[in-house]
Amino acid sequence: MKKLILLLAAIVLLVSCGSKKKYLSPLEIENEKKAVEQVLNEYNKAFEQKDFAKVVETLADEVIFFGTDSSEVIKTFADYKKAIEKQWRYYDKIQYGPLRDVSIQMDDNGTIASIIYGVNADYMRNGQNSNFYLRIARILKKKNDKWLIVSGIVGIVREDDPEYKDNPLHENPNE
């Protein structure tokens, strides 16, 4: 009987110790935040190169994106690819600057992160250079030790720009 009680106590102890989540130290949280920023930089670089396969590597299995236009809601990879390819046809080249005004919130276990930031986007279209300052929010989750983008929203405020209405970032993707 004593052996049974000891065995049950050992099992309870092992199960209770194994089920506790490990909270990250402040240094580990900072390292995870750098990893989140790195994923966004990889996304931007893939976008600049118009490399859809590399863009997809930064995304979770299911994503949702909201554009500047209130009707722009992207819920499938097919819609996402259609919207991205439309943007890529719009300009000849795009280059993103460094992330600015970065704010990252993360759970204590380093599994979910929310980031809000700004970034300059310089693009060339028909030999003309233009610049937009983007405000972007993304939510990422960690899967298999890799941060992946789950959702996002982008805001561009350039109503004074004559190309504003022609920019596909402002158009309904369903048109």
Protein backbone atom coordinates (compact mmCIF):
# COMPACT_ATOMS: atom_id res chain seq x y z
CA MET A 1 0.00 0.00 0.00
CA LYS A 2 2.88 2.38 0.83
CA LYS A 3 4.42 1.68 -2.58
CA LEU A 4 1.14 2.55 -4.28
CA ILE A 5 0.84 5.82 -2.35
CA LEU A 6 4.47 6.72 -3.16
CA LEU A 7 3.90 5.87 -6.82
CA LEU A 8 0.77 8.05 -6.96
CA ALA A 9 2.57 10.89 -5.17
CA ALA A 10 5.45 10.66 -7.65
CA ILE A 11 3.05 10.72 -10.62
CA VAL A 12 1.19 13.74 -9.21
CA LEU A 13 4.50 15.53 -8.63
CA LEU A 14 5.75 14.79 -12.14
CA VAL A 15 2.47 15.82 -13.78
CA SER A 16 2.23 19.04 -11.79
CA CYS A 17 5.83 19.99 -12.55
CA GLY A 18 5.54 19.11 -16.22
CA SER A 19 2.38 21.11 -16.84
CA LYS A 20 3.66 24.43 -15.53
CA LYS A 21 4.52 26.95 -18.20
CA LYS A 22 7.93 28.52 -18.03
CA TYR A 23 7.86 32.28 -17.74
CA LEU A 24 10.60 33.99 -19.68
CA SER A 25 13.14 36.21 -18.00
CA PRO A 26 13.34 39.88 -19.01
CA LEU A 27 16.41 39.07 -21.12
CA GLU A 28 14.59 36.20 -22.86
CA ILE A 29 11.62 38.49 -23.54
CA GLU A 30 13.96 41.08 -25.10
CA ASN A 31 15.51 38.38 -27.29
CA GLU A 32 12.05 37.24 -28.39
CA LYS A 33 11.10 40.82 -29.22
CA LYS A 34 14.19 41.09 -31.43
CA ALA A 35 13.14 37.85 -33.13
CA VAL A 36 9.67 39.34 -33.77
CA GLU A 37 11.25 42.42 -35.38
CA GLN A 38 13.48 40.14 -37.47
CA VAL A 39 10.42 38.35 -38.90
CA LEU A 40 8.94 41.71 -39.94
CA ASN A 41 12.21 42.71 -41.56
CA GLU A 42 12.26 39.37 -43.42
CA TYR A 43 8.67 40.00 -44.54
CA ASN A 44 9.59 43.48 -45.81
CA LYS A 45 12.68 42.16 -47.62
CA ALA A 46 10.62 39.42 -49.32
CA PHE A 47 8.02 42.03 -50.25
CA GLU A 48 10.72 44.27 -51.76
CA GLN A 49 11.99 41.32 -53.80
CA LYS A 50 8.44 40.40 -54.85
CA ASP A 51 9.13 36.88 -53.60
CA PHE A 52 5.79 35.40 -52.59
CA ALA A 53 7.35 32.13 -51.35
CA LYS A 54 9.56 34.08 -48.92
CA VAL A 55 6.60 36.19 -47.78
CA VAL A 56 4.62 33.01 -47.02
CA GLU A 57 7.50 31.73 -44.86
CA THR A 58 6.76 34.57 -42.43
CA LEU A 59 3.03 33.79 -42.20
CA ALA A 60 1.02 31.42 -40.01
CA ASP A 61 -1.19 28.73 -41.55
CA GLU A 62 -4.23 31.01 -41.29
CA VAL A 63 -4.04 34.79 -41.53
CA ILE A 64 -6.32 37.79 -41.61
CA PHE A 65 -5.33 41.23 -42.86
CA PHE A 66 -7.16 44.53 -42.88
CA GLY A 67 -6.18 47.22 -45.36
CA THR A 68 -6.69 50.95 -45.32
CA ASP A 69 -10.02 50.69 -47.13
CA SER A 70 -12.81 49.56 -44.79
CA SER A 71 -13.88 46.86 -47.24
CA GLU A 72 -10.39 45.38 -47.55
CA VAL A 73 -10.46 42.25 -45.43
CA ILE A 74 -8.23 39.37 -46.47
CA LYS A 75 -9.01 36.00 -44.90
CA THR A 76 -7.53 33.44 -47.29
CA PHE A 77 -4.14 32.90 -48.88
CA ALA A 78 -5.78 33.16 -52.30
CA ASP A 79 -7.13 36.62 -51.47
CA TYR A 80 -3.81 37.57 -49.90
CA LYS A 81 -1.86 36.48 -52.96
CA LYS A 82 -4.28 38.35 -55.25
CA ALA A 83 -3.90 41.56 -53.21
CA ILE A 84 -0.10 41.26 -53.03
CA GLU A 85 0.27 40.61 -56.75
CA LYS A 86 -1.95 43.62 -57.46
CA GLN A 87 0.33 45.78 -55.32
CA TRP A 88 3.42 44.37 -57.00
CA ARG A 89 2.02 45.22 -60.45
CA TYR A 90 1.35 48.78 -59.29
CA TYR A 91 4.97 49.77 -58.72
CA ASP A 92 8.33 48.95 -60.27
CA LYS A 93 10.28 48.88 -57.02
CA ILE A 94 9.65 49.37 -53.30
CA GLN A 95 12.07 49.77 -50.44
CA TYR A 96 11.22 49.84 -46.76
CA GLY A 97 13.15 51.81 -44.19
CA PRO A 98 13.91 50.63 -40.67
CA LEU A 99 11.05 49.99 -38.25
CA ARG A 100 10.32 53.10 -36.18
CA ASP A 101 8.34 53.84 -33.04
CA VAL A 102 8.23 50.11 -32.29
CA SER A 103 6.04 48.87 -29.46
CA ILE A 104 5.89 45.13 -28.75
CA GLN A 105 3.66 43.47 -26.19
CA MET A 106 4.23 39.81 -25.45
CA ASP A 107 2.83 37.20 -23.12
CA ASP A 108 5.08 35.96 -20.29
CA ASN A 109 5.65 32.65 -22.07
CA GLY A 110 6.79 34.19 -25.35
CA THR A 111 4.11 32.57 -27.49
CA ILE A 112 1.99 35.53 -28.66
CA ALA A 113 3.23 38.99 -29.60
CA SER A 114 1.60 42.20 -30.76
CA ILE A 115 3.70 44.83 -32.51
CA ILE A 116 2.83 48.33 -33.65
CA TYR A 117 5.35 50.34 -35.66
CA GLY A 118 5.90 52.85 -38.41
CA VAL A 119 8.02 52.45 -41.52
CA ASN A 120 8.83 54.54 -44.57
CA ALA A 121 8.08 52.96 -47.93
CA ASP A 122 9.82 54.45 -50.95
CA TYR A 123 8.54 53.19 -54.26
CA MET A 124 9.13 53.84 -57.91
CA ARG A 125 6.33 53.79 -60.45
CA ASN A 126 6.77 54.74 -64.10
CA GLY A 127 10.05 56.47 -63.28
CA GLN A 128 8.52 58.54 -60.47
CA ASN A 129 9.59 58.16 -56.86
CA SER A 130 7.06 58.46 -54.04
CA ASN A 131 7.13 57.92 -50.32
CA PHE A 132 4.53 56.75 -47.85
CA TYR A 133 4.81 56.50 -44.10
CA LEU A 134 2.99 53.37 -43.00
CA ARG A 135 1.54 52.61 -39.59
CA ILE A 136 1.37 48.86 -39.15
CA ALA A 137 0.08 46.53 -36.46
CA ARG A 138 0.77 42.80 -36.52
CA ILE A 139 0.02 39.89 -34.25
CA LEU A 140 2.44 36.98 -34.29
CA LYS A 141 2.43 33.57 -32.69
CA LYS A 142 5.30 31.24 -32.05
CA LYS A 143 5.07 27.83 -33.66
CA ASN A 144 7.89 25.29 -33.65
CA ASP A 145 10.27 27.94 -32.22
CA LYS A 146 9.51 30.35 -35.07
CA TRP A 147 7.51 33.59 -34.95
CA LEU A 148 4.81 33.79 -37.63
CA ILE A 149 2.47 36.62 -38.62
CA VAL A 150 -1.14 35.81 -37.81
CA SER A 151 -2.85 39.09 -38.59
CA GLY A 152 -2.22 42.66 -39.48
CA ILE A 153 -3.55 46.06 -40.35
CA VAL A 154 -1.89 48.80 -42.37
CA GLY A 155 -2.70 52.48 -42.42
CA ILE A 156 -1.48 55.04 -44.96
CA VAL A 157 -2.53 58.65 -44.63
CA ARG A 158 -1.63 60.56 -47.78
CA GLU A 159 -4.91 62.05 -48.98
CA ASP A 160 -3.07 65.11 -50.32
CA ASP A 161 -1.11 62.89 -52.71
CA PRO A 162 -2.65 62.87 -56.23
CA GLU A 163 -1.76 59.17 -56.54
CA TYR A 164 -3.69 58.35 -53.36
CA LYS A 165 -6.79 57.19 -55.22
CA ASP A 166 -4.72 55.14 -57.69
CA ASN A 167 -2.74 53.32 -55.02
CA PRO A 168 -3.93 49.68 -54.68
CA LEU A 169 -3.33 49.85 -50.94
CA HIS A 170 -6.43 52.05 -50.85
CA GLU A 171 -8.59 50.05 -53.18
CA ASN A 172 -11.15 47.37 -52.50
CA PRO A 173 -9.45 44.07 -53.38
CA ASN A 174 -12.80 42.63 -54.43
CA GLU A 175 -13.17 45.07 -57.33
